[in-house]
Amino acid sequence: MEIYLIVGLILSALIGISLGLIGGGGSIIIIPVLVYILGVEAHHAVDMSLTIVGVTSLIGAALHNQRGTVKLKTGVFFSATGTLSAYFGSRLTCLLSPAALLLSIAALMIVIAVLMLIKRHDNRDVIIHHGRSKFKALLAGLIVGLLTGILGIGGGFLVVPALVLFCDISMKDAVGTSLLIVAIDCCAGLLGHLRYGGFDLRVTMFVTMVAIDGMLIGATLSHHVSPANLKKWFAVFVIVVAVFFIAKNYTVHLG
């Protein structure tokens, strides 16, 4: 049991490091960590994930705001529809069986990993100058919030490109602003989940503290590590975890 706890804490730290470096990505593996390593039931893991990712993202947003890389008005605007859809999405979670919930997360993990591998975003302070529709930004916020509420993930991997494409802000500012949006969406999603109970506060607080430590490390490393290389290797890791996810569920059903 101790080895599982150690592995879980290491992965929790990596989640925080990823959030600190690239503003997303790491939260997608928090459910596998909670379910398969720390032994949390799937639906309860969603509640705990929303708390862990939400608090960690809020700390990260505060750090980025000190550096002036958080667009507060843009973040609030993007979250206008995201908070509502995250809340209602959290109500839909109970309609999914634990197996369906976990397989849905695994499928999304693979899609995200592939997008991370094929889409290239450099680390320069590039701004998209041509105008984009506010309607598209609101729609993107709606979709991200819905996924956050249903699956208990942060959605930073969707928020960052959406901010660059639809809200005309730089990649650097998108990373900081995405953490604020993720924190807001997670809070809204958690409100819809609390009525289900089964929340392990001790494990949640422990993992959150480790993830925050990772976030601080990631924020420091962001000046020395290439985000492009990090995304590539992290995407490969996410695919491996997703395949394990699917194989584990398949084995359980066969048994």
C-alpha atoms as a PDB file:
ATOM      1  CA  MET A   1       0.000   0.000   0.000  1.00  0.00           C
ATOM      2  CA  GLU A   2       2.875   2.346   0.789  1.00  0.00           C
ATOM      3  CA  ILE A   3       4.321   1.987  -2.716  1.00  0.00           C
ATOM      4  CA  TYR A   4       0.946   2.951  -4.220  1.00  0.00           C
ATOM      5  CA  LEU A   5       0.834   6.011  -1.984  1.00  0.00           C
ATOM      6  CA  ILE A   6       4.343   7.044  -3.036  1.00  0.00           C
ATOM      7  CA  VAL A   7       3.515   6.586  -6.742  1.00  0.00           C
ATOM      8  CA  GLY A   8       0.276   8.522  -6.277  1.00  0.00           C
ATOM      9  CA  LEU A   9       2.073  11.425  -4.632  1.00  0.00           C
ATOM     10  CA  ILE A  10       4.759  11.506  -7.344  1.00  0.00           C
ATOM     11  CA  LEU A  11       2.096  11.634 -10.066  1.00  0.00           C
ATOM     12  CA  SER A  12       0.203  14.316  -8.121  1.00  0.00           C
ATOM     13  CA  ALA A  13       3.363  16.414  -8.077  1.00  0.00           C
ATOM     14  CA  LEU A  14       3.750  15.890 -11.840  1.00  0.00           C
ATOM     15  CA  ILE A  15       0.186  17.119 -12.331  1.00  0.00           C
ATOM     16  CA  GLY A  16       1.049  20.334 -10.510  1.00  0.00           C
ATOM     17  CA  ILE A  17       4.301  20.711 -12.447  1.00  0.00           C
ATOM     18  CA  SER A  18       2.434  20.370 -15.749  1.00  0.00           C
ATOM     19  CA  LEU A  19      -0.117  22.998 -14.719  1.00  0.00           C
ATOM     20  CA  GLY A  20       2.680  25.337 -13.677  1.00  0.00           C
ATOM     21  CA  LEU A  21       4.587  24.864 -16.930  1.00  0.00           C
ATOM     22  CA  ILE A  22       1.919  24.818 -19.628  1.00  0.00           C
ATOM     23  CA  GLY A  23      -1.333  25.801 -17.882  1.00  0.00           C
ATOM     24  CA  GLY A  24      -3.013  22.431 -18.389  1.00  0.00           C
ATOM     25  CA  GLY A  25      -2.603  18.800 -19.324  1.00  0.00           C
ATOM     26  CA  GLY A  26      -1.763  17.372 -15.914  1.00  0.00           C
ATOM     27  CA  SER A  27      -5.306  17.361 -14.571  1.00  0.00           C
ATOM     28  CA  ILE A  28      -6.353  14.735 -17.124  1.00  0.00           C
ATOM     29  CA  ILE A  29      -4.512  12.002 -15.170  1.00  0.00           C
ATOM     30  CA  ILE A  30      -5.834  12.948 -11.729  1.00  0.00           C
ATOM     31  CA  ILE A  31      -8.816  10.561 -12.061  1.00  0.00           C
ATOM     32  CA  PRO A  32      -6.602   7.532 -12.876  1.00  0.00           C
ATOM     33  CA  VAL A  33      -4.338   8.431  -9.949  1.00  0.00           C
ATOM     34  CA  LEU A  34      -7.265   8.632  -7.522  1.00  0.00           C
ATOM     35  CA  VAL A  35      -9.073   5.517  -8.788  1.00  0.00           C
ATOM     36  CA  TYR A  36      -6.337   3.022  -9.611  1.00  0.00           C
ATOM     37  CA  ILE A  37      -3.527   4.101  -7.302  1.00  0.00           C
ATOM     38  CA  LEU A  38      -5.265   5.620  -4.279  1.00  0.00           C
ATOM     39  CA  GLY A  39      -8.342   3.350  -4.467  1.00  0.00           C
ATOM     40  CA  VAL A  40     -11.073   6.005  -4.702  1.00  0.00           C
ATOM     41  CA  GLU A  41     -14.477   5.113  -6.209  1.00  0.00           C
ATOM     42  CA  ALA A  42     -14.970   6.642  -9.679  1.00  0.00           C
ATOM     43  CA  HIS A  43     -17.800   9.079  -8.896  1.00  0.00           C
ATOM     44  CA  HIS A  44     -16.144  10.217  -5.668  1.00  0.00           C
ATOM     45  CA  ALA A  45     -12.901  10.694  -7.598  1.00  0.00           C
ATOM     46  CA  VAL A  46     -14.672  13.257  -9.796  1.00  0.00           C
ATOM     47  CA  ASP A  47     -15.599  15.324  -6.715  1.00  0.00           C
ATOM     48  CA  MET A  48     -12.071  15.133  -5.364  1.00  0.00           C
ATOM     49  CA  SER A  49     -10.529  15.905  -8.757  1.00  0.00           C
ATOM     50  CA  LEU A  50     -12.555  19.095  -9.086  1.00  0.00           C
ATOM     51  CA  THR A  51     -11.286  20.237  -5.685  1.00  0.00           C
ATOM     52  CA  ILE A  52      -7.639  19.307  -6.315  1.00  0.00           C
ATOM     53  CA  VAL A  53      -7.496  20.832  -9.789  1.00  0.00           C
ATOM     54  CA  GLY A  54      -9.539  23.876  -8.770  1.00  0.00           C
ATOM     55  CA  VAL A  55      -7.406  24.811  -5.764  1.00  0.00           C
ATOM     56  CA  THR A  56      -4.128  24.102  -7.571  1.00  0.00           C
ATOM     57  CA  SER A  57      -5.211  26.160 -10.589  1.00  0.00           C
ATOM     58  CA  LEU A  58      -6.277  29.044  -8.353  1.00  0.00           C
ATOM     59  CA  ILE A  59      -2.826  29.116  -6.732  1.00  0.00           C
ATOM     60  CA  GLY A  60      -1.242  29.032 -10.185  1.00  0.00           C
ATOM     61  CA  ALA A  61      -3.478  31.847 -11.408  1.00  0.00           C
ATOM     62  CA  ALA A  62      -2.425  33.965  -8.429  1.00  0.00           C
ATOM     63  CA  LEU A  63       1.254  33.390  -9.271  1.00  0.00           C
ATOM     64  CA  HIS A  64       0.703  34.314 -12.922  1.00  0.00           C
ATOM     65  CA  ASN A  65      -1.334  37.368 -11.922  1.00  0.00           C
ATOM     66  CA  GLN A  66       1.665  38.668  -9.967  1.00  0.00           C
ATOM     67  CA  ARG A  67       3.603  38.499 -13.241  1.00  0.00           C
ATOM     68  CA  GLY A  68       0.839  40.304 -15.121  1.00  0.00           C
ATOM     69  CA  THR A  69      -0.025  37.313 -17.331  1.00  0.00           C
ATOM     70  CA  VAL A  70      -3.673  36.904 -16.301  1.00  0.00           C
ATOM     71  CA  LYS A  71      -6.395  38.748 -18.230  1.00  0.00           C
ATOM     72  CA  LEU A  72      -9.075  38.991 -15.543  1.00  0.00           C
ATOM     73  CA  LYS A  73     -11.840  40.413 -17.758  1.00  0.00           C
ATOM     74  CA  THR A  74     -11.203  37.801 -20.443  1.00  0.00           C
ATOM     75  CA  GLY A  75     -11.217  35.020 -17.850  1.00  0.00           C
ATOM     76  CA  VAL A  76     -14.529  36.124 -16.370  1.00  0.00           C
ATOM     77  CA  PHE A  77     -16.045  36.535 -19.858  1.00  0.00           C
ATOM     78  CA  PHE A  78     -14.923  33.060 -20.942  1.00  0.00           C
ATOM     79  CA  SER A  79     -16.294  31.561 -17.712  1.00  0.00           C
ATOM     80  CA  ALA A  80     -19.704  33.208 -18.140  1.00  0.00           C
ATOM     81  CA  THR A  81     -21.140  30.124 -19.848  1.00  0.00           C
ATOM     82  CA  GLY A  82     -18.585  27.689 -18.437  1.00  0.00           C
ATOM     83  CA  THR A  83     -19.772  28.006 -14.845  1.00  0.00           C
ATOM     84  CA  LEU A  84     -23.370  27.201 -15.784  1.00  0.00           C
ATOM     85  CA  SER A  85     -22.479  24.241 -17.990  1.00  0.00           C
ATOM     86  CA  ALA A  86     -20.027  22.911 -15.367  1.00  0.00           C
ATOM     87  CA  TYR A  87     -22.771  22.936 -12.740  1.00  0.00           C
ATOM     88  CA  PHE A  88     -25.320  21.193 -14.949  1.00  0.00           C
ATOM     89  CA  GLY A  89     -22.673  18.825 -16.285  1.00  0.00           C
ATOM     90  CA  SER A  90     -21.954  17.713 -12.727  1.00  0.00           C
ATOM     91  CA  ARG A  91     -25.615  16.684 -12.423  1.00  0.00           C
ATOM     92  CA  LEU A  92     -25.224  14.402 -15.451  1.00  0.00           C
ATOM     93  CA  THR A  93     -22.363  12.423 -13.903  1.00  0.00           C
ATOM     94  CA  CYS A  94     -24.750  10.276 -11.851  1.00  0.00           C
ATOM     95  CA  LEU A  95     -26.366   9.050 -15.098  1.00  0.00           C
ATOM     96  CA  LEU A  96     -23.127   7.327 -16.116  1.00  0.00           C
ATOM     97  CA  SER A  97     -22.024   4.000 -14.671  1.00  0.00           C
ATOM     98  CA  PRO A  98     -18.514   3.953 -13.146  1.00  0.00           C
ATOM     99  CA  ALA A  99     -17.269   1.930 -16.141  1.00  0.00           C
ATOM    100  CA  ALA A 100     -18.822   4.329 -18.676  1.00  0.00           C
ATOM    101  CA  LEU A 101     -17.415   7.317 -16.779  1.00  0.00           C
ATOM    102  CA  LEU A 102     -13.889   5.885 -16.701  1.00  0.00           C
ATOM    103  CA  LEU A 103     -13.955   4.800 -20.357  1.00  0.00           C
ATOM    104  CA  SER A 104     -15.203   8.256 -21.378  1.00  0.00           C
ATOM    105  CA  ILE A 105     -12.280   9.829 -19.556  1.00  0.00           C
ATOM    106  CA  ALA A 106      -9.859   7.350 -21.193  1.00  0.00           C
ATOM    107  CA  ALA A 107     -11.205   8.188 -24.661  1.00  0.00           C
ATOM    108  CA  LEU A 108     -10.862  11.904 -23.977  1.00  0.00           C
ATOM    109  CA  MET A 109      -7.314  11.343 -22.732  1.00  0.00           C
ATOM    110  CA  ILE A 110      -6.347   9.758 -26.059  1.00  0.00           C
ATOM    111  CA  VAL A 111      -7.949  12.585 -28.064  1.00  0.00           C
ATOM    112  CA  ILE A 112      -6.141  15.181 -25.957  1.00  0.00           C
ATOM    113  CA  ALA A 113      -2.806  13.394 -26.269  1.00  0.00           C
ATOM    114  CA  VAL A 114      -3.113  13.178 -30.056  1.00  0.00           C
ATOM    115  CA  LEU A 115      -3.964  16.889 -30.265  1.00  0.00           C
ATOM    116  CA  MET A 116      -0.960  17.686 -28.085  1.00  0.00           C
ATOM    117  CA  LEU A 117       1.271  15.706 -30.463  1.00  0.00           C
ATOM    118  CA  ILE A 118      -0.013  17.136 -33.749  1.00  0.00           C
ATOM    119  CA  LYS A 119      -0.597  20.759 -32.698  1.00  0.00           C
ATOM    120  CA  ARG A 120       2.488  22.897 -32.235  1.00  0.00           C
ATOM    121  CA  HIS A 121       2.424  26.033 -30.101  1.00  0.00           C
ATOM    122  CA  ASP A 122       5.722  27.790 -29.522  1.00  0.00           C
ATOM    123  CA  ASN A 123       6.548  29.730 -26.403  1.00  0.00           C
ATOM    124  CA  ARG A 124       6.843  33.129 -28.044  1.00  0.00           C
ATOM    125  CA  ASP A 125       4.619  36.008 -27.074  1.00  0.00           C
ATOM    126  CA  VAL A 126       2.593  35.836 -30.264  1.00  0.00           C
ATOM    127  CA  ILE A 127      -0.693  37.678 -30.504  1.00  0.00           C
ATOM    128  CA  ILE A 128      -3.492  36.845 -32.915  1.00  0.00           C
ATOM    129  CA  HIS A 129      -4.531  40.219 -34.267  1.00  0.00           C
ATOM    130  CA  HIS A 130      -7.484  39.352 -36.483  1.00  0.00           C
ATOM    131  CA  GLY A 131     -10.883  39.575 -34.844  1.00  0.00           C
ATOM    132  CA  ARG A 132     -12.752  36.535 -33.555  1.00  0.00           C
ATOM    133  CA  SER A 133     -16.388  36.041 -32.687  1.00  0.00           C
ATOM    134  CA  LYS A 134     -17.391  36.495 -29.054  1.00  0.00           C
ATOM    135  CA  PHE A 135     -20.056  33.890 -29.718  1.00  0.00           C
ATOM    136  CA  LYS A 136     -17.340  31.320 -30.447  1.00  0.00           C
ATOM    137  CA  ALA A 137     -15.585  32.215 -27.199  1.00  0.00           C
ATOM    138  CA  LEU A 138     -18.806  31.750 -25.253  1.00  0.00           C
ATOM    139  CA  LEU A 139     -19.422  28.435 -27.040  1.00  0.00           C
ATOM    140  CA  ALA A 140     -15.895  27.261 -26.223  1.00  0.00           C
ATOM    141  CA  GLY A 141     -16.454  28.195 -22.581  1.00  0.00           C
ATOM    142  CA  LEU A 142     -19.715  26.247 -22.607  1.00  0.00           C
ATOM    143  CA  ILE A 143     -18.049  23.077 -23.919  1.00  0.00           C
ATOM    144  CA  VAL A 144     -15.078  23.295 -21.549  1.00  0.00           C
ATOM    145  CA  GLY A 145     -17.378  23.823 -18.563  1.00  0.00           C
ATOM    146  CA  LEU A 146     -19.549  20.862 -19.539  1.00  0.00           C
ATOM    147  CA  LEU A 147     -16.540  18.530 -19.760  1.00  0.00           C
ATOM    148  CA  THR A 148     -15.277  19.859 -16.431  1.00  0.00           C
ATOM    149  CA  GLY A 149     -18.575  19.143 -14.696  1.00  0.00           C
ATOM    150  CA  ILE A 150     -19.198  15.687 -16.178  1.00  0.00           C
ATOM    151  CA  LEU A 151     -15.710  14.200 -16.115  1.00  0.00           C
ATOM    152  CA  GLY A 152     -14.067  16.142 -13.292  1.00  0.00           C
ATOM    153  CA  ILE A 153     -11.170  17.422 -15.408  1.00  0.00           C
ATOM    154  CA  GLY A 154      -9.747  20.915 -15.525  1.00  0.00           C
ATOM    155  CA  GLY A 155      -9.987  21.540 -19.254  1.00  0.00           C
ATOM    156  CA  GLY A 156      -6.880  23.718 -19.489  1.00  0.00           C
ATOM    157  CA  PHE A 157      -5.822  21.793 -22.590  1.00  0.00           C
ATOM    158  CA  LEU A 158      -8.938  23.190 -24.308  1.00  0.00           C
ATOM    159  CA  VAL A 159      -8.936  26.641 -22.732  1.00  0.00           C
ATOM    160  CA  VAL A 160      -5.440  27.718 -23.818  1.00  0.00           C
ATOM    161  CA  PRO A 161      -5.925  27.317 -27.599  1.00  0.00           C
ATOM    162  CA  ALA A 162      -9.478  28.709 -27.349  1.00  0.00           C
ATOM    163  CA  LEU A 163      -8.199  31.862 -25.655  1.00  0.00           C
ATOM    164  CA  VAL A 164      -5.528  32.392 -28.304  1.00  0.00           C
ATOM    165  CA  LEU A 165      -7.896  31.777 -31.224  1.00  0.00           C
ATOM    166  CA  PHE A 166     -11.072  33.457 -30.012  1.00  0.00           C
ATOM    167  CA  CYS A 167     -10.025  36.081 -27.449  1.00  0.00           C
ATOM    168  CA  ASP A 168      -7.011  37.620 -29.219  1.00  0.00           C
ATOM    169  CA  ILE A 169      -4.492  37.199 -26.385  1.00  0.00           C
ATOM    170  CA  SER A 170      -0.906  35.948 -26.397  1.00  0.00           C
ATOM    171  CA  MET A 171       0.104  32.382 -25.597  1.00  0.00           C
ATOM    172  CA  LYS A 172       1.836  33.555 -22.414  1.00  0.00           C
ATOM    173  CA  ASP A 173      -1.295  35.316 -21.165  1.00  0.00           C
ATOM    174  CA  ALA A 174      -3.467  32.382 -22.256  1.00  0.00           C
ATOM    175  CA  VAL A 175      -1.599  30.024 -19.913  1.00  0.00           C
ATOM    176  CA  GLY A 176      -2.150  32.263 -16.880  1.00  0.00           C
ATOM    177  CA  THR A 177      -5.743  33.120 -17.781  1.00  0.00           C
ATOM    178  CA  SER A 178      -6.614  29.461 -18.387  1.00  0.00           C
ATOM    179  CA  LEU A 179      -5.712  28.632 -14.790  1.00  0.00           C
ATOM    180  CA  LEU A 180      -8.211  31.231 -13.563  1.00  0.00           C
ATOM    181  CA  ILE A 181     -10.924  29.846 -15.854  1.00  0.00           C
ATOM    182  CA  VAL A 182     -10.239  26.255 -14.785  1.00  0.00           C
ATOM    183  CA  ALA A 183     -10.468  27.265 -11.114  1.00  0.00           C
ATOM    184  CA  ILE A 184     -13.835  28.971 -11.688  1.00  0.00           C
ATOM    185  CA  ASP A 185     -15.249  26.049 -13.708  1.00  0.00           C
ATOM    186  CA  CYS A 186     -14.058  23.505 -11.131  1.00  0.00           C
ATOM    187  CA  CYS A 187     -15.754  25.474  -8.358  1.00  0.00           C
ATOM    188  CA  ALA A 188     -19.050  25.508 -10.272  1.00  0.00           C
ATOM    189  CA  GLY A 189     -18.790  21.801 -11.063  1.00  0.00           C
ATOM    190  CA  LEU A 190     -18.013  20.941  -7.449  1.00  0.00           C
ATOM    191  CA  LEU A 191     -21.166  22.697  -6.236  1.00  0.00           C
ATOM    192  CA  GLY A 192     -23.213  20.249  -8.288  1.00  0.00           C
ATOM    193  CA  HIS A 193     -21.341  17.231  -6.926  1.00  0.00           C
ATOM    194  CA  LEU A 194     -21.299  17.954  -3.194  1.00  0.00           C
ATOM    195  CA  ARG A 195     -24.811  16.617  -2.655  1.00  0.00           C
ATOM    196  CA  TYR A 196     -23.656  13.100  -3.608  1.00  0.00           C
ATOM    197  CA  GLY A 197     -21.386  12.738  -0.552  1.00  0.00           C
ATOM    198  CA  GLY A 198     -18.483  10.310  -0.222  1.00  0.00           C
ATOM    199  CA  PHE A 199     -15.871  13.049  -0.276  1.00  0.00           C
ATOM    200  CA  ASP A 200     -12.560  11.912   1.283  1.00  0.00           C
ATOM    201  CA  LEU A 201     -11.303  15.220   2.651  1.00  0.00           C
ATOM    202  CA  ARG A 202      -8.046  13.820   4.066  1.00  0.00           C
ATOM    203  CA  VAL A 203      -6.857  12.315   0.769  1.00  0.00           C
ATOM    204  CA  THR A 204      -8.075  15.365  -1.147  1.00  0.00           C
ATOM    205  CA  MET A 205      -6.139  17.796   1.023  1.00  0.00           C
ATOM    206  CA  PHE A 206      -2.991  15.652   0.918  1.00  0.00           C
ATOM    207  CA  VAL A 207      -2.983  15.318  -2.877  1.00  0.00           C
ATOM    208  CA  THR A 208      -3.845  19.010  -3.261  1.00  0.00           C
ATOM    209  CA  MET A 209      -0.864  20.086  -1.159  1.00  0.00           C
ATOM    210  CA  VAL A 210       1.476  17.880  -3.194  1.00  0.00           C
ATOM    211  CA  ALA A 211       0.015  19.221  -6.463  1.00  0.00           C
ATOM    212  CA  ILE A 212       0.485  22.802  -5.240  1.00  0.00           C
ATOM    213  CA  ASP A 213       4.133  22.052  -4.464  1.00  0.00           C
ATOM    214  CA  GLY A 214       4.427  20.706  -8.007  1.00  0.00           C
ATOM    215  CA  MET A 215       2.774  23.857  -9.317  1.00  0.00           C
ATOM    216  CA  LEU A 216       5.403  26.016  -7.611  1.00  0.00           C
ATOM    217  CA  ILE A 217       8.165  23.868  -9.107  1.00  0.00           C
ATOM    218  CA  GLY A 218       6.541  24.068 -12.542  1.00  0.00           C
ATOM    219  CA  ALA A 219       6.256  27.840 -12.342  1.00  0.00           C
ATOM    220  CA  THR A 220       9.983  28.027 -11.575  1.00  0.00           C
ATOM    221  CA  LEU A 221      10.952  25.558 -14.308  1.00  0.00           C
ATOM    222  CA  SER A 222       8.857  27.393 -16.893  1.00  0.00           C
ATOM    223  CA  HIS A 223      11.814  29.711 -17.513  1.00  0.00           C
ATOM    224  CA  HIS A 224      14.202  26.820 -18.235  1.00  0.00           C
ATOM    225  CA  VAL A 225      12.188  23.976 -19.837  1.00  0.00           C
ATOM    226  CA  SER A 226      10.815  23.945 -23.377  1.00  0.00           C
ATOM    227  CA  PRO A 227       7.000  23.657 -23.198  1.00  0.00           C
ATOM    228  CA  ALA A 228       7.009  22.001 -26.650  1.00  0.00           C
ATOM    229  CA  ASN A 229       9.203  19.123 -25.461  1.00  0.00           C
ATOM    230  CA  LEU A 230       7.205  18.793 -22.258  1.00  0.00           C
ATOM    231  CA  LYS A 231       3.937  18.548 -24.185  1.00  0.00           C
ATOM    232  CA  LYS A 232       5.354  15.860 -26.471  1.00  0.00           C
ATOM    233  CA  TRP A 233       6.558  13.552 -23.709  1.00  0.00           C
ATOM    234  CA  PHE A 234       3.532  14.236 -21.543  1.00  0.00           C
ATOM    235  CA  ALA A 235       1.229  13.325 -24.447  1.00  0.00           C
ATOM    236  CA  VAL A 236       2.975   9.955 -24.787  1.00  0.00           C
ATOM    237  CA  PHE A 237       2.570   9.392 -21.055  1.00  0.00           C
ATOM    238  CA  VAL A 238      -1.148  10.255 -21.224  1.00  0.00           C
ATOM    239  CA  ILE A 239      -1.664   7.696 -24.010  1.00  0.00           C
ATOM    240  CA  VAL A 240       0.036   5.004 -21.922  1.00  0.00           C
ATOM    241  CA  VAL A 241      -2.184   5.820 -18.932  1.00  0.00           C
ATOM    242  CA  ALA A 242      -5.314   5.804 -21.129  1.00  0.00           C
ATOM    243  CA  VAL A 243      -4.454   2.385 -22.587  1.00  0.00           C
ATOM    244  CA  PHE A 244      -3.963   1.060 -19.050  1.00  0.00           C
ATOM    245  CA  PHE A 245      -7.310   2.623 -18.123  1.00  0.00           C
ATOM    246  CA  ILE A 246      -9.113   0.808 -20.953  1.00  0.00           C
ATOM    247  CA  ALA A 247      -7.310  -2.502 -20.366  1.00  0.00           C
ATOM    248  CA  LYS A 248      -8.112  -2.375 -16.654  1.00  0.00           C
ATOM    249  CA  ASN A 249     -11.834  -1.870 -17.295  1.00  0.00           C
ATOM    250  CA  TYR A 250     -11.849  -4.541 -20.004  1.00  0.00           C
ATOM    251  CA  THR A 251     -10.182  -7.042 -17.655  1.00  0.00           C
ATOM    252  CA  VAL A 252     -12.680  -6.278 -14.894  1.00  0.00           C
ATOM    253  CA  HIS A 253     -15.622  -6.902 -17.240  1.00  0.00           C
ATOM    254  CA  LEU A 254     -14.101 -10.175 -18.474  1.00  0.00           C
ATOM    255  CA  GLY A 255     -13.625 -11.282 -14.896  1.00  0.00           C
END
